[in-house]
Protein backbone atom coordinates (compact mmCIF):
# COMPACT_ATOMS: atom_id res chain seq x y z
CA MET A 1 40.16 -143.03 -79.00
CA ILE A 2 36.75 -143.48 -81.04
CA ASN A 3 35.79 -146.53 -78.47
CA ARG A 4 36.59 -144.16 -75.56
CA PHE A 5 34.50 -141.48 -76.95
CA ILE A 6 31.51 -143.83 -77.40
CA LYS A 7 31.95 -145.43 -73.87
CA ASN A 8 31.76 -141.63 -72.28
CA ALA A 9 28.90 -140.85 -74.69
CA LEU A 10 27.00 -144.02 -73.42
CA LEU A 11 27.94 -143.00 -69.67
CA ARG A 12 26.73 -139.51 -70.32
CA ASP A 13 23.34 -140.46 -71.72
CA ILE A 14 22.75 -143.19 -68.71
CA MET A 15 23.87 -140.12 -66.13
CA LYS A 16 21.49 -137.79 -67.19
CA ILE A 17 18.72 -140.16 -67.17
CA VAL A 18 19.66 -141.55 -63.83
CA SER A 19 20.22 -138.11 -62.20
CA GLY A 20 16.55 -137.41 -62.66
CA THR A 21 15.40 -140.80 -62.05
CA ALA A 22 17.55 -140.90 -58.52
CA GLY A 23 16.13 -137.41 -57.68
CA GLY A 24 12.70 -138.42 -58.64
CA ARG A 25 12.95 -141.57 -56.40
CA ALA A 26 14.85 -140.12 -53.66
CA ILE A 27 11.60 -137.41 -53.08
CA LEU A 28 9.27 -140.76 -53.20
CA LEU A 29 11.65 -142.56 -50.73
CA ILE A 30 12.35 -139.60 -48.26
CA THR A 31 8.55 -139.06 -48.17
CA LEU A 32 7.65 -142.70 -47.83
CA PRO A 33 8.14 -143.18 -43.88
CA ILE A 34 5.58 -140.29 -43.46
CA VAL A 35 3.14 -141.80 -46.03
CA THR A 36 3.18 -145.28 -44.49
CA ARG A 37 2.17 -143.22 -40.89
CA LEU A 38 -0.69 -141.26 -42.63
CA TYR A 39 -1.73 -144.57 -44.56
CA SER A 40 -2.69 -147.79 -43.29
CA PRO A 41 -1.46 -151.35 -44.79
CA GLU A 42 -5.12 -151.80 -45.88
CA ASP A 43 -4.67 -148.41 -47.45
CA PHE A 44 -1.56 -149.94 -49.22
CA LYS A 45 -3.54 -153.12 -50.08
CA LEU A 46 -6.25 -150.78 -52.11
CA LEU A 47 -2.85 -149.08 -53.98
CA ALA A 48 -1.86 -152.49 -54.70
CA VAL A 49 -4.89 -153.34 -56.44
CA PHE A 50 -5.33 -149.76 -58.00
CA ALA A 51 -1.58 -150.18 -59.17
CA ALA A 52 -2.26 -153.60 -60.67
CA LEU A 53 -5.14 -152.40 -62.51
CA VAL A 54 -3.40 -149.70 -64.05
CA SER A 55 -0.41 -151.73 -64.98
CA THR A 56 -2.17 -154.33 -66.59
CA THR A 57 -4.42 -152.14 -68.97
CA SER A 58 -1.63 -149.25 -69.72
CA VAL A 59 0.82 -151.80 -71.08
CA ILE A 60 -1.45 -152.21 -73.69
CA ALA A 61 -2.92 -148.47 -74.27
CA CYS A 62 -0.33 -147.85 -77.16
CA LEU A 63 -0.70 -151.20 -78.90
CA ARG A 64 2.87 -151.44 -77.84
CA MET A 65 3.28 -148.90 -81.01
CA GLU A 66 5.75 -146.84 -78.58
CA VAL A 67 8.25 -149.47 -78.85
CA ALA A 68 8.59 -149.08 -82.48
CA VAL A 69 9.15 -145.11 -82.21
CA PRO A 70 12.70 -145.19 -81.40
CA PHE A 71 13.56 -147.81 -84.00
CA SER A 72 12.00 -146.14 -87.02
CA ASP A 73 13.94 -145.66 -90.23
CA ASN A 74 13.57 -141.71 -90.01
CA ASP A 75 11.54 -138.76 -88.10
CA ASP A 76 8.40 -138.93 -90.41
CA ASP A 77 7.63 -142.61 -90.06
CA ALA A 78 8.52 -142.12 -86.06
CA ALA A 79 6.24 -139.24 -85.74
CA ASN A 80 3.25 -141.39 -87.53
CA ILE A 81 3.78 -144.14 -85.03
CA LEU A 82 3.76 -141.52 -82.18
CA ALA A 83 0.69 -140.24 -83.27
CA ILE A 84 -0.83 -144.38 -83.81
CA ALA A 85 0.15 -144.68 -79.83
CA LEU A 86 -1.35 -141.59 -78.53
CA THR A 87 -4.58 -142.16 -80.51
CA SER A 88 -5.00 -145.70 -79.23
CA THR A 89 -4.25 -144.32 -75.62
CA VAL A 90 -6.91 -141.92 -75.72
CA SER A 91 -9.79 -144.29 -77.19
CA PHE A 92 -8.18 -146.82 -74.74
CA ALA A 93 -8.78 -144.30 -71.68
CA LEU A 94 -12.16 -143.37 -72.76
CA GLY A 95 -13.43 -146.73 -73.12
CA LEU A 96 -12.29 -147.61 -69.63
CA LEU A 97 -13.75 -144.36 -68.33
CA ALA A 98 -17.30 -145.46 -69.47
CA LEU A 99 -17.00 -148.80 -67.87
CA SER A 100 -15.45 -147.40 -64.52
CA LEU A 101 -18.43 -144.88 -64.68
CA LEU A 102 -21.26 -147.81 -65.67
CA ALA A 103 -20.41 -150.71 -63.54
CA PRO A 104 -17.73 -150.05 -60.82
CA MET A 105 -19.41 -152.57 -58.54
CA THR A 106 -19.14 -155.21 -61.13
CA ILE A 107 -15.65 -154.34 -61.82
CA ALA A 108 -14.39 -154.37 -58.17
CA GLY A 109 -16.66 -157.85 -57.45
CA TRP A 110 -14.68 -159.54 -60.38
CA ILE A 111 -11.36 -158.88 -58.40
CA SER A 112 -13.13 -159.32 -54.86
CA THR A 113 -12.29 -156.04 -53.53
CA PRO A 114 -15.37 -154.01 -53.16
CA ASP A 115 -13.97 -150.98 -51.38
CA ILE A 116 -11.77 -150.12 -54.76
CA ALA A 117 -15.09 -149.27 -56.40
CA PRO A 118 -15.32 -145.42 -55.71
CA TYR A 119 -12.15 -145.02 -56.82
CA LEU A 120 -12.29 -146.98 -60.16
CA TRP A 121 -12.82 -143.56 -62.16
CA LEU A 122 -8.90 -142.94 -61.45
CA VAL A 123 -7.94 -145.64 -63.43
CA PRO A 124 -8.68 -144.19 -66.66
CA LEU A 125 -6.86 -141.05 -66.13
CA ALA A 126 -3.76 -142.77 -64.85
CA VAL A 127 -3.75 -145.02 -68.05
CA LEU A 128 -4.18 -142.03 -70.07
CA LEU A 129 -1.66 -140.31 -68.41
CA ALA A 130 0.78 -143.38 -68.38
CA GLY A 131 0.46 -144.37 -71.94
CA SER A 132 0.83 -140.63 -73.26
CA TYR A 133 4.22 -140.42 -71.02
CA ALA A 134 5.61 -143.70 -72.48
CA SER A 135 4.71 -142.87 -76.00
CA LEU A 136 5.93 -139.24 -75.78
CA GLN A 137 8.99 -140.33 -73.77
CA SER A 138 9.97 -142.98 -76.80
CA TRP A 139 10.11 -139.92 -79.16
CA VAL A 140 12.12 -138.07 -76.65
CA ILE A 141 14.48 -141.02 -76.45
CA ARG A 142 14.66 -141.22 -80.20
CA LYS A 143 15.95 -137.70 -80.33
CA ARG A 144 18.28 -138.26 -77.53
CA ARG A 145 17.10 -135.64 -75.12
CA PHE A 146 17.67 -137.46 -71.98
CA GLY A 147 17.86 -134.17 -69.61
CA ILE A 148 14.05 -133.50 -70.38
CA ILE A 149 13.11 -137.04 -69.36
CA ALA A 150 15.56 -136.38 -66.19
CA ARG A 151 13.68 -133.06 -65.48
CA THR A 152 9.93 -134.56 -65.91
CA ARG A 153 10.52 -137.69 -63.39
CA VAL A 154 11.77 -134.95 -60.58
CA GLY A 155 8.63 -133.21 -61.02
CA GLN A 156 6.34 -136.02 -61.29
CA ALA A 157 7.74 -137.41 -57.77
CA ILE A 158 7.57 -133.91 -56.55
CA ILE A 159 3.57 -133.28 -57.74
CA GLY A 160 2.86 -137.37 -56.69
CA ALA A 161 4.37 -137.03 -53.23
CA GLY A 162 2.87 -133.65 -52.41
CA THR A 163 -0.48 -135.07 -53.24
CA MET A 164 -0.17 -138.03 -51.00
CA LEU A 165 1.21 -136.00 -47.95
CA GLY A 166 -1.21 -133.19 -48.77
CA LEU A 167 -4.34 -135.42 -48.81
CA GLY A 168 -3.23 -137.75 -46.11
CA TRP A 169 -2.48 -135.19 -43.73
CA PHE A 170 -6.53 -134.11 -43.98
CA ALA A 171 -7.22 -137.77 -43.71
CA PHE A 172 -8.24 -138.32 -47.36
CA ALA A 173 -7.39 -142.08 -47.48
CA PRO A 174 -6.86 -143.86 -49.73
CA LEU A 175 -7.77 -141.02 -52.37
CA GLY A 176 -4.73 -139.46 -51.60
CA LEU A 177 -2.42 -142.55 -51.78
CA LEU A 178 -4.34 -143.53 -55.45
CA LEU A 179 -4.05 -139.86 -56.80
CA GLY A 180 -0.76 -139.38 -55.81
CA ASN A 181 0.31 -142.53 -57.61
CA THR A 182 -1.41 -141.65 -60.80
CA LEU A 183 0.06 -138.02 -60.71
CA THR A 184 3.60 -139.98 -60.17
CA LEU A 185 3.13 -142.07 -63.41
CA GLY A 186 2.64 -139.28 -65.95
CA ALA A 187 2.15 -135.59 -64.53
CA GLY A 188 5.12 -134.85 -66.93
CA VAL A 189 3.33 -135.88 -70.20
CA VAL A 190 2.60 -131.81 -70.61
CA SER A 191 6.36 -130.93 -70.37
CA LEU A 192 7.32 -133.76 -72.95
CA CYS A 193 4.17 -132.57 -75.25
CA ALA A 194 5.41 -129.06 -75.10
CA GLN A 195 9.07 -130.02 -75.66
CA SER A 196 8.25 -131.89 -78.63
CA LEU A 197 5.92 -129.33 -80.22
CA ARG A 198 8.41 -126.68 -79.74
CA ASN A 199 11.62 -128.50 -80.88
CA ASP A 200 9.82 -131.02 -83.57
CA HIS A 201 7.22 -129.01 -85.10
CA THR A 202 8.44 -129.42 -88.67
CA VAL A 203 7.99 -132.99 -88.26
CA ILE A 204 4.90 -133.36 -86.67
CA ARG A 205 3.26 -131.44 -89.30
CA ASN A 206 3.85 -134.46 -91.74
CA ILE A 207 1.54 -136.69 -89.69
CA ASN A 208 -1.66 -137.74 -91.38
CA LEU A 209 -4.07 -140.69 -91.61
CA ARG A 210 -2.20 -142.25 -94.76
CA ARG A 211 1.01 -142.29 -93.24
CA MET A 212 -0.77 -143.85 -89.83
CA HIS A 213 -2.07 -146.40 -91.66
CA GLU A 214 1.07 -147.47 -93.66
CA MET A 215 2.92 -147.33 -90.51
CA LEU A 216 0.43 -149.28 -88.48
CA VAL A 217 0.19 -152.23 -91.47
CA ARG A 218 4.26 -151.73 -91.54
CA ASN A 219 4.77 -152.13 -87.77
CA ARG A 220 1.28 -154.97 -87.10
CA ARG A 221 4.14 -157.17 -85.23
CA TYR A 222 3.66 -155.04 -82.29
CA PRO A 223 -0.09 -155.13 -81.77
CA ILE A 224 -0.21 -158.54 -82.90
CA PHE A 225 2.41 -159.80 -81.04
CA SER A 226 4.19 -157.33 -78.61
CA THR A 227 0.83 -156.13 -77.21
CA PRO A 228 -0.37 -160.08 -75.57
CA GLU A 229 3.21 -160.38 -74.89
CA ALA A 230 3.26 -157.23 -72.70
CA LEU A 231 0.04 -157.96 -71.41
CA ALA A 232 1.44 -161.52 -70.18
CA ASN A 233 4.18 -160.01 -68.98
CA VAL A 234 2.47 -157.55 -66.57
CA ALA A 235 -0.23 -160.28 -65.85
CA ALA A 236 2.93 -162.45 -64.57
CA ILE A 237 3.52 -159.51 -61.76
CA GLN A 238 0.01 -158.22 -61.15
CA PHE A 239 -2.14 -161.24 -61.03
CA PRO A 240 -0.75 -162.58 -58.19
CA ILE A 241 -1.02 -159.56 -56.39
CA LEU A 242 -4.60 -159.20 -57.11
CA ILE A 243 -4.83 -162.79 -55.83
CA ILE A 244 -2.77 -162.14 -52.84
CA ALA A 245 -4.98 -158.86 -52.14
CA ALA A 246 -8.39 -160.97 -52.84
CA THR A 247 -7.37 -164.16 -50.32
CA ALA A 248 -4.56 -162.51 -47.98
CA GLY A 249 -5.93 -158.97 -47.20
CA SER A 250 -3.07 -156.80 -45.94
CA GLU A 251 -0.44 -158.96 -46.98
CA ALA A 252 -1.01 -157.34 -50.82
CA GLY A 253 -0.08 -153.99 -48.58
CA GLN A 254 3.24 -155.15 -47.45
CA LEU A 255 4.13 -156.68 -50.51
CA PHE A 256 3.39 -153.55 -52.29
CA LEU A 257 5.81 -151.45 -49.66
CA ALA A 258 8.35 -154.22 -50.26
CA MET A 259 8.23 -153.94 -54.21
CA GLN A 260 8.25 -149.90 -53.90
CA VAL A 261 11.44 -150.31 -52.01
CA MET A 262 13.35 -152.69 -54.07
CA THR A 263 11.96 -151.24 -57.39
CA VAL A 264 14.58 -148.39 -56.73
CA PRO A 265 17.53 -150.06 -58.49
CA MET A 266 15.29 -151.11 -61.22
CA THR A 267 13.86 -147.67 -61.76
CA LEU A 268 17.28 -145.91 -61.07
CA ILE A 269 19.67 -148.00 -62.96
CA GLY A 270 17.69 -150.62 -65.03
CA ALA A 271 14.92 -148.49 -66.64
CA SER A 272 17.57 -145.79 -67.49
CA VAL A 273 20.15 -148.11 -68.92
CA GLY A 274 17.18 -149.63 -70.85
CA GLN A 275 16.22 -146.60 -72.44
CA VAL A 276 20.05 -145.83 -73.78
CA TYR A 277 20.19 -149.12 -74.86
CA SER A 278 16.99 -148.87 -77.14
CA SER A 279 18.35 -145.68 -78.52
CA ARG A 280 21.64 -147.29 -79.83
CA ALA A 281 20.78 -151.17 -79.80
CA ALA A 282 19.78 -150.42 -83.72
CA GLU A 283 23.16 -148.95 -84.37
CA GLU A 284 25.08 -151.75 -83.04
CA LEU A 285 23.13 -154.41 -84.98
CA ARG A 286 23.90 -152.60 -88.12
CA ASN A 287 27.56 -152.70 -86.96
CA GLY A 288 27.69 -156.14 -86.18
CA THR A 289 28.45 -155.54 -82.20
CA LEU A 290 25.07 -156.10 -80.67
CA HIS A 291 26.18 -159.10 -78.63
CA GLY A 292 29.15 -157.64 -77.14
CA PHE A 293 27.65 -154.44 -76.58
CA THR A 294 24.30 -156.64 -74.74
CA LYS A 295 27.01 -158.67 -72.84
CA MET A 296 28.75 -155.17 -71.69
CA ILE A 297 25.48 -153.90 -70.30
CA MET A 298 24.40 -157.45 -68.71
CA ILE A 299 27.41 -157.84 -66.75
CA LYS A 300 27.81 -154.31 -65.37
CA LEU A 301 24.14 -154.33 -64.38
CA PHE A 302 25.11 -157.92 -62.48
CA LEU A 303 28.09 -156.30 -60.90
CA VAL A 304 26.22 -152.64 -59.90
CA GLY A 305 23.05 -154.81 -58.40
CA LEU A 306 24.76 -157.34 -56.20
CA ALA A 307 26.24 -155.83 -53.50
CA PRO A 308 22.83 -153.66 -52.82
CA MET A 309 20.49 -156.73 -53.39
CA LEU A 310 22.77 -158.78 -50.70
CA LEU A 311 22.66 -155.70 -48.35
CA ALA A 312 18.91 -155.24 -48.83
CA ALA A 313 18.30 -159.50 -48.12
CA ILE A 314 20.64 -159.20 -44.99
CA LEU A 315 19.51 -155.84 -43.53
CA ALA A 316 15.93 -155.33 -44.35
CA PRO A 317 13.86 -157.37 -41.73
CA PHE A 318 15.78 -155.04 -38.98
CA ILE A 319 15.90 -151.61 -40.89
CA VAL A 320 12.18 -151.56 -42.37
CA PRO A 321 10.06 -151.51 -38.87
CA ILE A 322 12.53 -148.77 -37.93
CA ILE A 323 11.81 -146.47 -40.90
CA PHE A 324 8.41 -147.39 -41.63
CA GLY A 325 6.79 -148.29 -38.51
CA ALA A 326 6.32 -151.35 -36.63
CA GLU A 327 3.30 -152.65 -38.56
CA TRP A 328 5.23 -152.81 -41.56
CA GLN A 329 7.72 -155.54 -40.03
CA ARG A 330 6.66 -158.02 -42.58
CA ALA A 331 7.48 -155.96 -45.65
CA GLY A 332 11.22 -156.57 -44.20
CA VAL A 333 10.88 -159.94 -44.56
CA LEU A 334 9.30 -160.04 -47.98
CA ILE A 335 12.11 -157.64 -49.10
CA ALA A 336 14.91 -160.17 -48.18
CA TRP A 337 12.78 -163.11 -49.93
CA ILE A 338 12.32 -160.87 -53.40
CA SER A 339 15.59 -159.78 -53.59
CA PRO A 340 17.14 -162.51 -55.57
CA TRP A 341 14.24 -161.63 -58.05
CA MET A 342 15.32 -158.14 -58.59
CA LEU A 343 18.70 -158.57 -58.97
CA PHE A 344 18.17 -160.83 -62.00
CA GLN A 345 15.28 -158.62 -63.22
CA LEU A 346 17.95 -155.77 -63.14
CA VAL A 347 20.40 -157.60 -65.58
CA ALA A 348 17.43 -158.89 -67.76
CA SER A 349 14.56 -156.11 -68.28
CA PRO A 350 16.89 -153.52 -69.48
CA VAL A 351 18.09 -155.51 -72.40
CA SER A 352 14.72 -157.16 -73.15
CA LEU A 353 14.39 -154.72 -76.13
CA VAL A 354 16.72 -156.97 -78.23
CA MET A 355 13.45 -159.35 -78.97
CA ALA A 356 11.79 -156.39 -80.48
CA LEU A 357 14.57 -155.26 -82.47
CA LEU A 358 15.26 -158.31 -83.95
CA GLU A 359 11.66 -158.72 -84.44
CA ARG A 360 11.28 -161.78 -82.37
CA GLN A 361 8.03 -160.99 -81.09
CA GLN A 362 6.31 -164.13 -81.26
CA HIS A 363 9.41 -165.79 -79.45
CA MET A 364 9.26 -162.99 -76.53
CA LEU A 365 5.09 -163.76 -76.59
CA ILE A 366 5.95 -167.25 -75.48
CA LEU A 367 8.38 -166.46 -73.08
CA THR A 368 5.95 -164.43 -71.45
CA LEU A 369 3.10 -166.40 -71.35
CA PHE A 370 5.41 -169.06 -69.55
CA GLY A 371 6.52 -166.78 -67.21
CA ALA A 372 2.98 -165.67 -66.33
CA LEU A 373 1.75 -169.48 -66.25
CA LEU A 374 4.57 -170.00 -63.86
CA ARG A 375 3.97 -167.26 -61.34
CA ILE A 376 0.64 -167.40 -61.32
CA SER A 377 0.55 -171.18 -60.56
CA ALA A 378 2.96 -170.85 -58.15
CA VAL A 379 0.71 -168.70 -56.07
CA LEU A 380 -2.57 -170.51 -56.56
CA PHE A 381 -0.78 -173.89 -55.75
CA ALA A 382 0.37 -172.18 -52.69
CA ILE A 383 -3.04 -170.95 -51.70
CA MET A 384 -4.61 -174.17 -52.76
CA GLY A 385 -2.20 -176.11 -50.66
CA ARG A 386 -2.80 -173.86 -47.92
CA ILE A 387 0.87 -173.29 -47.48
CA ASN A 388 1.85 -169.72 -45.45
CA TRP A 389 4.50 -169.01 -47.91
CA VAL A 390 2.33 -167.62 -50.84
CA VAL A 391 4.34 -164.47 -51.36
CA GLU A 392 7.47 -166.70 -50.68
CA ALA A 393 6.46 -168.80 -53.39
CA TYR A 394 5.81 -165.46 -55.67
CA ALA A 395 9.08 -164.28 -55.33
CA ILE A 396 10.94 -167.57 -55.94
CA SER A 397 9.15 -168.13 -59.15
CA GLY A 398 9.85 -164.68 -60.26
CA CYS A 399 13.64 -165.27 -59.72
CA ILE A 400 13.40 -168.24 -61.81
CA PHE A 401 11.75 -166.64 -64.58
CA TYR A 402 14.32 -163.66 -64.73
CA ILE A 403 17.08 -166.19 -65.00
CA ILE A 404 15.66 -167.72 -67.84
CA CYS A 405 15.06 -164.15 -69.52
CA ALA A 406 18.64 -163.18 -68.94
CA LEU A 407 19.73 -166.40 -70.46
CA LEU A 408 17.73 -166.15 -73.48
CA PHE A 409 17.95 -162.22 -74.22
CA PHE A 410 22.02 -163.09 -74.10
CA TRP A 411 21.71 -165.72 -76.54
CA ALA A 412 19.16 -163.82 -78.72
CA SER A 413 21.60 -160.96 -78.93
CA LYS A 414 24.04 -163.03 -81.08
CA SER A 415 22.01 -162.74 -84.06
CA LYS A 416 23.26 -160.53 -87.08
CA SER A 417 20.16 -159.10 -88.18
CA ALA A 418 16.53 -158.99 -87.55
CA LYS A 419 14.44 -162.02 -88.18
CA LEU A 420 11.95 -160.69 -91.40
């Protein structure tokens, strides 16, 4: 009876987040066929570059301190860690704003995309929203208020999709695409902040500089090891896209659309399961059941993802041009190539926090550096070898990397305690 209750509670937590995530993704997917007709592949190329810049910078804006929030021993410690993450995010965004206003053409020249220069001021705004949302979301996950997360995701999707459609209708391209994406990342931060202040004001009052300093020292593994690890992880995905955008033009836009479609199961299932996993992993470790818990999650994710990925690989080349327009036929072919990568990412990513829980940030850093080297090298070799399959090389290297990740996370979960 106890085991049945635990499983039902786990299922309820997952379904709360999945429902909100599904609603948000459904809104974006429903509007996407209209968006692809309001904006050109060249506009999507700029969105791919913009998203790469935001992803690369926002992942380090919090110094990865947001990861430590659910794992803290008590709420006072967690609140001070949250304050560190938010302070770091604001400071980082202000620094980016200064750079984007003082030297936009220089930055655009570094990434060989001069057309992005007028819109670089949006990058710090997106980083501020994304970093703040990630930090506050970690606090809400700690308190297991998954319903709040679900509601904010639907709200963000509505605001982001409305912005893209509205500005696109009045021919504000690519501004509408970039601003809509920005709001989709973190428009729910206001709601999360208000909910936390209302429900946890007693704990929040205990935040002070002395405790923040203590928590920063105690959790120094996160900024020292997890920050470069996270940067390497994002770089492995985003740097090849920047290279493709600089060398292959609108091919980056086609790839971006393909990835938007294929990340639906990752966002819908993977991210939701990962958040529930992080809220329960510490307890499972203390009970000595972390390995079985991790194994169960990974097997179920593989079984859930296998059929949709196979269908996507088979049908996408025929369906995508019908849904999104004839000029997006290449995106359908790319979906078939990236399907195996997405399947193994779905299995590995939700349980990747096992490395942080076990304090193996050094090992995770080595793994992600290897992944970045593998995937960037695959793209560069394809370009230098004048091979037409540049994106295909990117997809194959991604699949290989996530297979390795899944095996290593499964092995790591056998540990009985954290490595101190």
